[in-house]
Amino acid sequence: MSIAQAKRFTLDEYHRLTELGFFHEDDHIELVNGEIIEMVSKGKAHETCLRNLWKLLPKLVEDRATLQSQAPITLPPNSEPEPDFAIVKNKDDNYLSAHPAPSDVLLVIEVADSSLDYDQVVKIPLYAQALITNYWIFNLFDNHLECYSEPYADSLGKYGYSSKRIVLPNQTISLSCFPDLSFDLSKIFPPKLNF
């Protein structure tokens, strides 16, 4: 008796499928650990938080780095997540020749409501294994910012971050990649509403 196994894709296979038009432009997908993952739809609080970040981050970062939103980061051998935001190093060709690689990434930001478990359980080890040094989760469920840094691997090959800092929505935080730049989280977190 044989057991069926899901097909895992390499980055090259995933890119080839994209080139062939296998995916539609409005498909909300990403490649994570060789699996093509359909991203969950976003709620109103999630979209409001994204809009608030779009108002603040470009003014804050200016020309020091490149800001991208829901765009790929290539994590060999078989992942290409599309985080809500990433601050990446400036490149002369503005990443025309290749998506940002782990060495290009200064900060990854996810906004999480219904995706919280996925962003913590799947994305933390994914980004830590790629040696992404700073990963933030705007946790809309618990109403705080989770700042992860110092990636590590334990003796069993499990990846994670040795440092986790919780920042409340009434506090100010500095960008980990540019410590002289800070912002008030009350301008990012949407007000809590009773639904």
N, C-alpha and C. Protein backbone atom coordinates (compact mmCIF):
# COMPACT_ATOMS: atom_id res chain seq x y z
N MET A 1 0.85 -1.18 0.00
CA MET A 1 0.00 0.00 0.00
C MET A 1 0.89 1.24 0.00
N SER A 2 0.68 2.12 -0.95
CA SER A 2 1.48 3.34 -1.02
C SER A 2 0.72 4.49 -0.37
N ILE A 3 1.47 5.40 0.18
CA ILE A 3 0.88 6.57 0.84
C ILE A 3 1.12 7.77 -0.06
N ALA A 4 0.06 8.51 -0.33
CA ALA A 4 0.18 9.70 -1.16
C ALA A 4 0.98 10.77 -0.43
N GLN A 5 1.77 11.51 -1.19
CA GLN A 5 2.58 12.57 -0.60
C GLN A 5 2.38 13.84 -1.42
N ALA A 6 2.26 14.95 -0.74
CA ALA A 6 2.09 16.23 -1.43
C ALA A 6 3.37 16.60 -2.16
N LYS A 7 3.22 17.24 -3.30
CA LYS A 7 4.37 17.71 -4.08
C LYS A 7 4.92 18.97 -3.45
N ARG A 8 6.21 18.99 -3.19
CA ARG A 8 6.87 20.20 -2.71
C ARG A 8 7.63 20.81 -3.88
N PHE A 9 7.53 22.14 -3.98
CA PHE A 9 8.11 22.84 -5.10
C PHE A 9 9.42 23.50 -4.72
N THR A 10 10.35 23.53 -5.67
CA THR A 10 11.57 24.31 -5.49
C THR A 10 11.26 25.74 -5.90
N LEU A 11 12.17 26.64 -5.60
CA LEU A 11 12.01 28.03 -6.04
C LEU A 11 11.95 28.12 -7.56
N ASP A 12 12.80 27.34 -8.25
CA ASP A 12 12.80 27.37 -9.72
C ASP A 12 11.47 26.89 -10.28
N GLU A 13 10.93 25.82 -9.72
CA GLU A 13 9.63 25.32 -10.20
C GLU A 13 8.52 26.34 -9.95
N TYR A 14 8.55 26.96 -8.80
CA TYR A 14 7.55 27.97 -8.45
C TYR A 14 7.63 29.17 -9.41
N HIS A 15 8.85 29.62 -9.70
CA HIS A 15 9.03 30.73 -10.62
C HIS A 15 8.58 30.35 -12.03
N ARG A 16 8.85 29.10 -12.42
CA ARG A 16 8.43 28.64 -13.75
C ARG A 16 6.91 28.62 -13.86
N LEU A 17 6.23 28.15 -12.82
CA LEU A 17 4.76 28.15 -12.82
C LEU A 17 4.22 29.58 -12.96
N THR A 18 4.88 30.51 -12.29
CA THR A 18 4.47 31.91 -12.38
C THR A 18 4.66 32.43 -13.81
N GLU A 19 5.82 32.13 -14.41
CA GLU A 19 6.10 32.56 -15.78
C GLU A 19 5.11 31.98 -16.78
N LEU A 20 4.67 30.75 -16.54
CA LEU A 20 3.73 30.08 -17.44
C LEU A 20 2.29 30.58 -17.27
N GLY A 21 2.07 31.45 -16.27
CA GLY A 21 0.73 31.98 -16.04
C GLY A 21 -0.17 31.03 -15.26
N PHE A 22 0.44 30.09 -14.55
CA PHE A 22 -0.33 29.13 -13.76
C PHE A 22 -1.13 29.84 -12.65
N PHE A 23 -0.54 30.90 -12.11
CA PHE A 23 -1.21 31.67 -11.06
C PHE A 23 -1.79 32.94 -11.68
N HIS A 24 -2.87 33.39 -11.11
CA HIS A 24 -3.48 34.64 -11.56
C HIS A 24 -2.91 35.80 -10.75
N GLU A 25 -2.92 36.98 -11.33
CA GLU A 25 -2.35 38.16 -10.69
C GLU A 25 -3.00 38.45 -9.34
N ASP A 26 -4.29 38.14 -9.22
CA ASP A 26 -4.99 38.43 -7.96
C ASP A 26 -4.97 37.26 -6.98
N ASP A 27 -4.24 36.18 -7.30
CA ASP A 27 -4.08 35.07 -6.35
C ASP A 27 -3.20 35.55 -5.19
N HIS A 28 -3.62 35.29 -3.99
CA HIS A 28 -2.85 35.68 -2.81
C HIS A 28 -2.15 34.42 -2.28
N ILE A 29 -0.98 34.17 -2.85
CA ILE A 29 -0.25 32.94 -2.51
C ILE A 29 1.19 33.28 -2.17
N GLU A 30 1.84 32.32 -1.51
CA GLU A 30 3.27 32.42 -1.25
C GLU A 30 3.82 31.01 -1.15
N LEU A 31 5.11 30.85 -1.37
CA LEU A 31 5.77 29.56 -1.27
C LEU A 31 6.46 29.49 0.09
N VAL A 32 6.06 28.51 0.91
CA VAL A 32 6.65 28.35 2.24
C VAL A 32 7.03 26.88 2.42
N ASN A 33 8.31 26.64 2.61
CA ASN A 33 8.83 25.28 2.79
C ASN A 33 8.38 24.35 1.67
N GLY A 34 8.37 24.86 0.44
CA GLY A 34 8.02 24.05 -0.72
C GLY A 34 6.54 23.92 -0.99
N GLU A 35 5.69 24.44 -0.11
CA GLU A 35 4.24 24.35 -0.29
C GLU A 35 3.70 25.69 -0.76
N ILE A 36 2.76 25.64 -1.71
CA ILE A 36 2.10 26.85 -2.16
C ILE A 36 0.94 27.10 -1.21
N ILE A 37 1.03 28.21 -0.49
CA ILE A 37 0.07 28.54 0.56
C ILE A 37 -0.83 29.67 0.09
N GLU A 38 -2.13 29.47 0.21
CA GLU A 38 -3.07 30.55 -0.08
C GLU A 38 -3.23 31.36 1.19
N MET A 39 -2.97 32.66 1.08
CA MET A 39 -3.03 33.53 2.25
C MET A 39 -4.48 33.85 2.59
N VAL A 40 -4.74 33.96 3.88
CA VAL A 40 -6.10 34.23 4.35
C VAL A 40 -6.50 35.65 4.01
N SER A 41 -7.81 35.85 3.87
CA SER A 41 -8.29 37.21 3.61
C SER A 41 -8.10 38.05 4.87
N LYS A 42 -8.00 39.34 4.67
CA LYS A 42 -7.68 40.25 5.76
C LYS A 42 -8.94 40.95 6.26
N GLY A 43 -9.03 41.10 7.57
CA GLY A 43 -10.15 41.80 8.18
C GLY A 43 -9.94 43.30 8.18
N LYS A 44 -10.93 44.02 8.68
CA LYS A 44 -10.88 45.49 8.68
C LYS A 44 -9.74 46.02 9.56
N ALA A 45 -9.54 45.42 10.72
CA ALA A 45 -8.47 45.88 11.61
C ALA A 45 -7.10 45.67 10.96
N HIS A 46 -6.93 44.54 10.28
CA HIS A 46 -5.69 44.24 9.57
C HIS A 46 -5.42 45.29 8.50
N GLU A 47 -6.42 45.58 7.69
CA GLU A 47 -6.26 46.57 6.61
C GLU A 47 -6.00 47.97 7.17
N THR A 48 -6.67 48.32 8.28
CA THR A 48 -6.44 49.64 8.90
C THR A 48 -5.00 49.74 9.40
N CYS A 49 -4.51 48.69 10.03
CA CYS A 49 -3.12 48.67 10.50
C CYS A 49 -2.15 48.82 9.33
N LEU A 50 -2.43 48.12 8.21
CA LEU A 50 -1.58 48.25 7.02
C LEU A 50 -1.59 49.68 6.49
N ARG A 51 -2.78 50.28 6.42
CA ARG A 51 -2.87 51.66 5.93
C ARG A 51 -2.08 52.61 6.83
N ASN A 52 -2.18 52.39 8.15
CA ASN A 52 -1.43 53.23 9.09
C ASN A 52 0.08 53.07 8.90
N LEU A 53 0.52 51.84 8.67
CA LEU A 53 1.94 51.61 8.41
C LEU A 53 2.37 52.27 7.10
N TRP A 54 1.49 52.24 6.09
CA TRP A 54 1.80 52.88 4.81
C TRP A 54 1.93 54.39 4.96
N LYS A 55 1.16 54.98 5.87
CA LYS A 55 1.27 56.42 6.11
C LYS A 55 2.60 56.78 6.78
N LEU A 56 3.02 55.93 7.71
CA LEU A 56 4.16 56.28 8.56
C LEU A 56 5.52 55.81 8.03
N LEU A 57 5.62 54.55 7.60
CA LEU A 57 6.93 53.99 7.27
C LEU A 57 7.66 54.70 6.13
N PRO A 58 6.99 55.05 5.01
CA PRO A 58 7.75 55.73 3.95
C PRO A 58 8.35 57.06 4.41
N LYS A 59 7.60 57.82 5.20
CA LYS A 59 8.13 59.10 5.71
C LYS A 59 9.30 58.88 6.65
N LEU A 60 9.22 57.80 7.43
CA LEU A 60 10.24 57.51 8.43
C LEU A 60 11.53 57.00 7.76
N VAL A 61 11.40 56.03 6.89
CA VAL A 61 12.57 55.39 6.27
C VAL A 61 13.19 56.26 5.18
N GLU A 62 12.35 56.98 4.45
CA GLU A 62 12.77 57.83 3.33
C GLU A 62 13.71 57.06 2.39
N ASP A 63 14.89 57.61 2.12
CA ASP A 63 15.80 56.99 1.16
C ASP A 63 16.86 56.09 1.80
N ARG A 64 16.75 55.86 3.09
CA ARG A 64 17.76 55.04 3.77
C ARG A 64 17.71 53.58 3.34
N ALA A 65 16.52 53.12 2.96
CA ALA A 65 16.32 51.73 2.58
C ALA A 65 15.12 51.67 1.66
N THR A 66 14.80 50.48 1.20
CA THR A 66 13.66 50.27 0.32
C THR A 66 12.55 49.60 1.12
N LEU A 67 11.36 50.11 0.97
CA LEU A 67 10.19 49.56 1.66
C LEU A 67 9.37 48.78 0.64
N GLN A 68 9.01 47.55 0.98
CA GLN A 68 8.13 46.79 0.10
C GLN A 68 6.99 46.19 0.91
N SER A 69 5.86 46.01 0.25
CA SER A 69 4.67 45.48 0.92
C SER A 69 4.08 44.35 0.11
N GLN A 70 3.86 43.22 0.79
CA GLN A 70 3.27 42.02 0.19
C GLN A 70 3.99 41.67 -1.11
N ALA A 71 5.32 41.73 -1.05
CA ALA A 71 6.18 41.40 -2.17
C ALA A 71 7.16 40.30 -1.72
N PRO A 72 7.62 39.49 -2.67
CA PRO A 72 8.43 38.31 -2.31
C PRO A 72 9.80 38.63 -1.71
N ILE A 73 10.19 37.74 -0.81
CA ILE A 73 11.56 37.65 -0.30
C ILE A 73 11.98 36.21 -0.59
N THR A 74 13.09 36.03 -1.26
CA THR A 74 13.54 34.69 -1.62
C THR A 74 14.37 34.09 -0.50
N LEU A 75 13.89 32.96 0.04
CA LEU A 75 14.58 32.26 1.13
C LEU A 75 14.92 30.85 0.65
N PRO A 76 16.11 30.64 0.09
CA PRO A 76 16.47 29.31 -0.39
C PRO A 76 16.43 28.29 0.75
N PRO A 77 16.12 27.02 0.49
CA PRO A 77 16.02 26.47 -0.85
C PRO A 77 14.59 26.48 -1.44
N ASN A 78 13.56 26.67 -0.62
CA ASN A 78 12.22 26.47 -1.18
C ASN A 78 11.14 27.35 -0.55
N SER A 79 11.47 28.60 -0.26
CA SER A 79 10.46 29.51 0.30
C SER A 79 10.56 30.88 -0.34
N GLU A 80 9.40 31.47 -0.55
CA GLU A 80 9.33 32.83 -1.04
C GLU A 80 8.09 33.50 -0.43
N PRO A 81 8.19 33.82 0.87
CA PRO A 81 7.05 34.46 1.53
C PRO A 81 6.86 35.89 1.04
N GLU A 82 5.67 36.41 1.25
CA GLU A 82 5.34 37.79 0.88
C GLU A 82 4.80 38.50 2.12
N PRO A 83 5.70 38.92 3.01
CA PRO A 83 5.25 39.55 4.27
C PRO A 83 4.53 40.86 4.01
N ASP A 84 3.74 41.27 5.01
CA ASP A 84 2.99 42.51 4.87
C ASP A 84 3.92 43.68 4.55
N PHE A 85 5.05 43.75 5.23
CA PHE A 85 6.06 44.77 4.94
C PHE A 85 7.45 44.16 5.12
N ALA A 86 8.40 44.71 4.38
CA ALA A 86 9.81 44.40 4.61
C ALA A 86 10.60 45.67 4.31
N ILE A 87 11.56 45.92 5.15
CA ILE A 87 12.52 46.99 4.89
C ILE A 87 13.78 46.27 4.43
N VAL A 88 14.20 46.59 3.19
CA VAL A 88 15.35 45.92 2.60
C VAL A 88 16.39 46.96 2.20
N LYS A 89 17.63 46.50 2.04
CA LYS A 89 18.71 47.39 1.64
C LYS A 89 18.42 47.96 0.26
N ASN A 90 18.87 49.17 0.02
CA ASN A 90 18.77 49.76 -1.32
C ASN A 90 19.68 49.00 -2.28
N LYS A 91 19.21 48.81 -3.50
CA LYS A 91 20.01 48.18 -4.56
C LYS A 91 19.93 49.06 -5.79
N ASP A 92 21.01 49.11 -6.54
CA ASP A 92 21.05 49.96 -7.74
C ASP A 92 19.92 49.64 -8.71
N ASP A 93 19.60 48.36 -8.90
CA ASP A 93 18.56 47.99 -9.86
C ASP A 93 17.17 47.87 -9.23
N ASN A 94 17.06 48.24 -7.94
CA ASN A 94 15.79 48.17 -7.20
C ASN A 94 15.15 46.79 -7.30
N TYR A 95 16.01 45.74 -7.24
CA TYR A 95 15.59 44.34 -7.22
C TYR A 95 14.92 43.89 -8.52
N LEU A 96 15.30 44.51 -9.65
CA LEU A 96 14.79 44.06 -10.94
C LEU A 96 15.37 42.69 -11.29
N SER A 97 16.64 42.45 -10.94
CA SER A 97 17.30 41.19 -11.31
C SER A 97 16.93 40.03 -10.40
N ALA A 98 16.52 40.29 -9.18
CA ALA A 98 16.15 39.21 -8.25
C ALA A 98 15.43 39.81 -7.05
N HIS A 99 14.51 39.02 -6.49
CA HIS A 99 13.83 39.44 -5.26
C HIS A 99 14.87 39.55 -4.14
N PRO A 100 14.56 40.33 -3.10
CA PRO A 100 15.50 40.40 -1.98
C PRO A 100 15.79 39.03 -1.38
N ALA A 101 17.05 38.82 -1.03
CA ALA A 101 17.51 37.60 -0.37
C ALA A 101 17.64 37.91 1.13
N PRO A 102 17.85 36.89 1.96
CA PRO A 102 17.96 37.14 3.40
C PRO A 102 18.99 38.20 3.77
N SER A 103 20.11 38.24 3.07
CA SER A 103 21.15 39.23 3.40
C SER A 103 20.73 40.66 3.07
N ASP A 104 19.68 40.81 2.27
CA ASP A 104 19.17 42.14 1.92
C ASP A 104 18.16 42.67 2.94
N VAL A 105 17.60 41.77 3.75
CA VAL A 105 16.46 42.11 4.60
C VAL A 105 16.92 42.72 5.92
N LEU A 106 16.40 43.90 6.22
CA LEU A 106 16.70 44.57 7.49
C LEU A 106 15.62 44.30 8.53
N LEU A 107 14.36 44.22 8.10
CA LEU A 107 13.24 43.99 9.02
C LEU A 107 12.06 43.42 8.24
N VAL A 108 11.44 42.38 8.79
CA VAL A 108 10.21 41.82 8.25
C VAL A 108 9.09 42.14 9.22
N ILE A 109 7.96 42.59 8.66
CA ILE A 109 6.79 42.95 9.49
C ILE A 109 5.57 42.19 8.98
N GLU A 110 4.90 41.50 9.89
CA GLU A 110 3.61 40.88 9.59
C GLU A 110 2.56 41.54 10.48
N VAL A 111 1.38 41.72 9.93
CA VAL A 111 0.22 42.18 10.70
C VAL A 111 -0.67 40.95 10.86
N ALA A 112 -0.99 40.60 12.08
CA ALA A 112 -1.67 39.33 12.32
C ALA A 112 -2.94 39.48 13.13
N ASP A 113 -4.02 38.97 12.57
CA ASP A 113 -5.24 38.75 13.33
C ASP A 113 -5.57 37.27 13.18
N SER A 114 -6.27 36.88 12.12
CA SER A 114 -6.58 35.47 11.92
C SER A 114 -5.34 34.64 11.57
N SER A 115 -4.27 35.29 11.11
CA SER A 115 -3.05 34.58 10.73
C SER A 115 -2.04 34.47 11.87
N LEU A 116 -2.41 34.86 13.09
CA LEU A 116 -1.45 34.93 14.20
C LEU A 116 -0.72 33.62 14.43
N ASP A 117 -1.44 32.52 14.51
CA ASP A 117 -0.81 31.22 14.78
C ASP A 117 0.20 30.88 13.67
N TYR A 118 -0.18 31.11 12.44
CA TYR A 118 0.71 30.84 11.30
C TYR A 118 1.96 31.72 11.35
N ASP A 119 1.76 33.00 11.66
CA ASP A 119 2.90 33.93 11.72
C ASP A 119 3.86 33.58 12.86
N GLN A 120 3.34 32.99 13.92
CA GLN A 120 4.20 32.60 15.05
C GLN A 120 4.80 31.20 14.85
N VAL A 121 3.99 30.24 14.48
CA VAL A 121 4.43 28.83 14.43
C VAL A 121 5.22 28.51 13.17
N VAL A 122 4.82 29.05 12.03
CA VAL A 122 5.47 28.73 10.76
C VAL A 122 6.51 29.78 10.38
N LYS A 123 6.15 31.05 10.50
CA LYS A 123 7.03 32.11 10.01
C LYS A 123 8.24 32.35 10.92
N ILE A 124 8.10 32.21 12.23
CA ILE A 124 9.25 32.42 13.12
C ILE A 124 10.40 31.49 12.74
N PRO A 125 10.20 30.15 12.67
CA PRO A 125 11.33 29.31 12.28
C PRO A 125 11.81 29.54 10.85
N LEU A 126 10.88 29.90 9.95
CA LEU A 126 11.25 30.16 8.56
C LEU A 126 12.21 31.34 8.47
N TYR A 127 11.86 32.45 9.11
CA TYR A 127 12.72 33.65 9.06
C TYR A 127 14.00 33.44 9.88
N ALA A 128 13.90 32.75 11.00
CA ALA A 128 15.10 32.50 11.82
C ALA A 128 16.10 31.62 11.08
N GLN A 129 15.61 30.58 10.40
CA GLN A 129 16.51 29.71 9.64
C GLN A 129 17.22 30.48 8.53
N ALA A 130 16.53 31.46 7.96
CA ALA A 130 17.13 32.29 6.90
C ALA A 130 18.04 33.38 7.46
N LEU A 131 18.16 33.43 8.79
CA LEU A 131 18.98 34.42 9.50
C LEU A 131 18.49 35.85 9.29
N ILE A 132 17.16 36.00 9.15
CA ILE A 132 16.55 37.32 9.15
C ILE A 132 16.68 37.80 10.60
N THR A 133 17.39 38.89 10.82
CA THR A 133 17.74 39.26 12.19
C THR A 133 16.61 39.91 12.97
N ASN A 134 15.65 40.53 12.27
CA ASN A 134 14.56 41.21 12.97
C ASN A 134 13.22 40.91 12.33
N TYR A 135 12.29 40.42 13.15
CA TYR A 135 10.95 40.04 12.68
C TYR A 135 9.94 40.60 13.66
N TRP A 136 9.00 41.38 13.16
CA TRP A 136 7.96 41.98 14.00
C TRP A 136 6.59 41.44 13.62
N ILE A 137 5.78 41.19 14.63
CA ILE A 137 4.38 40.82 14.41
C ILE A 137 3.50 41.84 15.12
N PHE A 138 2.71 42.58 14.34
CA PHE A 138 1.68 43.43 14.93
C PHE A 138 0.52 42.51 15.29
N ASN A 139 0.48 42.09 16.54
CA ASN A 139 -0.49 41.12 17.03
C ASN A 139 -1.78 41.86 17.37
N LEU A 140 -2.74 41.82 16.44
CA LEU A 140 -4.01 42.53 16.64
C LEU A 140 -4.94 41.78 17.57
N PHE A 141 -4.69 40.49 17.75
CA PHE A 141 -5.51 39.68 18.65
C PHE A 141 -5.25 40.06 20.11
N ASP A 142 -3.96 40.16 20.47
CA ASP A 142 -3.57 40.52 21.85
C ASP A 142 -3.27 42.01 22.00
N ASN A 143 -3.31 42.74 20.88
CA ASN A 143 -3.12 44.19 20.87
C ASN A 143 -1.75 44.61 21.39
N HIS A 144 -0.70 44.02 20.81
CA HIS A 144 0.67 44.44 21.11
C HIS A 144 1.58 44.09 19.93
N LEU A 145 2.78 44.66 19.94
CA LEU A 145 3.78 44.35 18.94
C LEU A 145 4.76 43.34 19.53
N GLU A 146 5.04 42.27 18.77
CA GLU A 146 6.02 41.27 19.16
C GLU A 146 7.27 41.49 18.31
N CYS A 147 8.38 41.77 18.95
CA CYS A 147 9.65 42.02 18.25
C CYS A 147 10.59 40.85 18.51
N TYR A 148 10.94 40.13 17.46
CA TYR A 148 11.83 38.98 17.57
C TYR A 148 13.19 39.34 16.98
N SER A 149 14.26 38.90 17.66
CA SER A 149 15.61 39.12 17.16
C SER A 149 16.51 38.00 17.66
N GLU A 150 17.72 37.98 17.17
CA GLU A 150 18.74 36.98 17.53
C GLU A 150 18.31 35.56 17.12
N PRO A 151 18.31 35.27 15.81
CA PRO A 151 17.96 33.93 15.35
C PRO A 151 18.95 32.88 15.86
N TYR A 152 18.44 31.68 16.09
CA TYR A 152 19.28 30.58 16.57
C TYR A 152 18.76 29.25 16.03
N ALA A 153 19.60 28.24 16.14
CA ALA A 153 19.19 26.86 15.88
C ALA A 153 19.62 26.05 17.08
N ASP A 154 18.72 25.21 17.59
CA ASP A 154 19.10 24.37 18.73
C ASP A 154 19.76 23.08 18.25
N SER A 155 20.15 22.23 19.17
CA SER A 155 20.88 21.01 18.82
C SER A 155 20.03 20.02 18.02
N LEU A 156 18.71 20.19 18.00
CA LEU A 156 17.82 19.31 17.24
C LEU A 156 17.47 19.89 15.87
N GLY A 157 18.07 21.05 15.55
CA GLY A 157 17.80 21.68 14.26
C GLY A 157 16.52 22.49 14.23
N LYS A 158 16.00 22.84 15.40
CA LYS A 158 14.81 23.69 15.47
C LYS A 158 15.27 25.14 15.47
N TYR A 159 14.58 25.98 14.68
CA TYR A 159 14.97 27.38 14.55
C TYR A 159 13.98 28.28 15.28
N GLY A 160 14.51 29.37 15.79
CA GLY A 160 13.67 30.35 16.47
C GLY A 160 14.48 31.60 16.76
N TYR A 161 13.92 32.45 17.59
CA TYR A 161 14.59 33.68 18.01
C TYR A 161 14.80 33.63 19.51
N SER A 162 16.00 33.97 19.96
CA SER A 162 16.27 33.91 21.40
C SER A 162 15.75 35.13 22.14
N SER A 163 15.40 36.20 21.39
CA SER A 163 14.90 37.39 22.05
C SER A 163 13.50 37.72 21.52
N LYS A 164 12.58 37.90 22.46
CA LYS A 164 11.21 38.33 22.12
C LYS A 164 10.87 39.48 23.05
N ARG A 165 10.49 40.61 22.45
CA ARG A 165 10.12 41.79 23.22
C ARG A 165 8.68 42.16 22.89
N ILE A 166 7.89 42.43 23.91
CA ILE A 166 6.51 42.87 23.73
C ILE A 166 6.46 44.39 23.92
N VAL A 167 5.87 45.08 22.95
CA VAL A 167 5.72 46.54 23.04
C VAL A 167 4.23 46.85 22.96
N LEU A 168 3.74 47.62 23.91
CA LEU A 168 2.31 47.92 24.00
C LEU A 168 1.93 49.04 23.04
N PRO A 169 0.65 49.10 22.65
CA PRO A 169 0.23 50.07 21.64
C PRO A 169 0.29 51.53 22.09
N ASN A 170 0.55 51.79 23.36
CA ASN A 170 0.68 53.18 23.82
C ASN A 170 2.16 53.56 23.99
N GLN A 171 3.06 52.71 23.49
CA GLN A 171 4.50 52.96 23.63
C GLN A 171 5.13 53.37 22.30
N THR A 172 6.35 53.81 22.39
CA THR A 172 7.14 54.19 21.22
C THR A 172 8.22 53.14 21.00
N ILE A 173 8.54 52.89 19.73
CA ILE A 173 9.58 51.91 19.43
C ILE A 173 10.50 52.47 18.36
N SER A 174 11.77 52.09 18.43
CA SER A 174 12.74 52.44 17.40
C SER A 174 12.80 51.32 16.38
N LEU A 175 13.05 51.68 15.14
CA LEU A 175 13.27 50.65 14.12
C LEU A 175 14.58 49.95 14.44
N SER A 176 14.55 48.64 14.45
CA SER A 176 15.75 47.88 14.80
C SER A 176 16.89 48.14 13.81
N CYS A 177 16.56 48.38 12.55
CA CYS A 177 17.59 48.62 11.54
C CYS A 177 18.11 50.06 11.55
N PHE A 178 17.32 50.97 12.09
CA PHE A 178 17.71 52.38 12.19
C PHE A 178 17.31 52.89 13.57
N PRO A 179 18.12 52.62 14.58
CA PRO A 179 17.75 52.95 15.97
C PRO A 179 17.44 54.41 16.22
N ASP A 180 17.90 55.29 15.35
CA ASP A 180 17.59 56.72 15.54
C ASP A 180 16.19 57.08 15.05
N LEU A 181 15.50 56.14 14.39
CA LEU A 181 14.15 56.38 13.90
C LEU A 181 13.14 55.66 14.78
N SER A 182 12.21 56.41 15.35
CA SER A 182 11.21 55.78 16.22
C SER A 182 9.82 56.30 15.87
N PHE A 183 8.82 55.55 16.31
CA PHE A 183 7.45 55.98 16.08
C PHE A 183 6.54 55.50 17.20
N ASP A 184 5.44 56.19 17.30
CA ASP A 184 4.44 55.95 18.34
C ASP A 184 3.48 54.87 17.84
N LEU A 185 3.42 53.75 18.53
CA LEU A 185 2.57 52.64 18.10
C LEU A 185 1.09 52.98 18.14
N SER A 186 0.70 53.99 18.91
CA SER A 186 -0.72 54.37 18.95
C SER A 186 -1.18 54.89 17.58
N LYS A 187 -0.24 55.27 16.73
CA LYS A 187 -0.58 55.73 15.38
C LYS A 187 -0.71 54.57 14.41
N ILE A 188 -0.35 53.37 14.86
CA ILE A 188 -0.39 52.19 13.99
C ILE A 188 -1.56 51.27 14.36
N PHE A 189 -1.65 50.94 15.64
CA PHE A 189 -2.70 50.01 16.06
C PHE A 189 -4.08 50.68 15.90
N PRO A 190 -5.02 49.97 15.25
CA PRO A 190 -6.37 50.52 15.16
C PRO A 190 -7.03 50.49 16.54
N PRO A 191 -7.96 51.39 16.80
CA PRO A 191 -8.65 51.35 18.10
C PRO A 191 -9.43 50.04 18.22
N LYS A 192 -9.48 49.52 19.43
CA LYS A 192 -10.24 48.28 19.67
C LYS A 192 -11.72 48.58 19.53
N LEU A 193 -12.39 47.80 18.71
CA LEU A 193 -13.82 47.95 18.50
C LEU A 193 -14.54 46.70 18.95
N ASN A 194 -15.73 46.85 19.41
CA ASN A 194 -16.54 45.68 19.75
C ASN A 194 -17.32 45.28 18.52
N PHE A 195 -17.03 44.10 18.00
CA PHE A 195 -17.71 43.65 16.79
C PHE A 195 -18.88 42.75 17.16
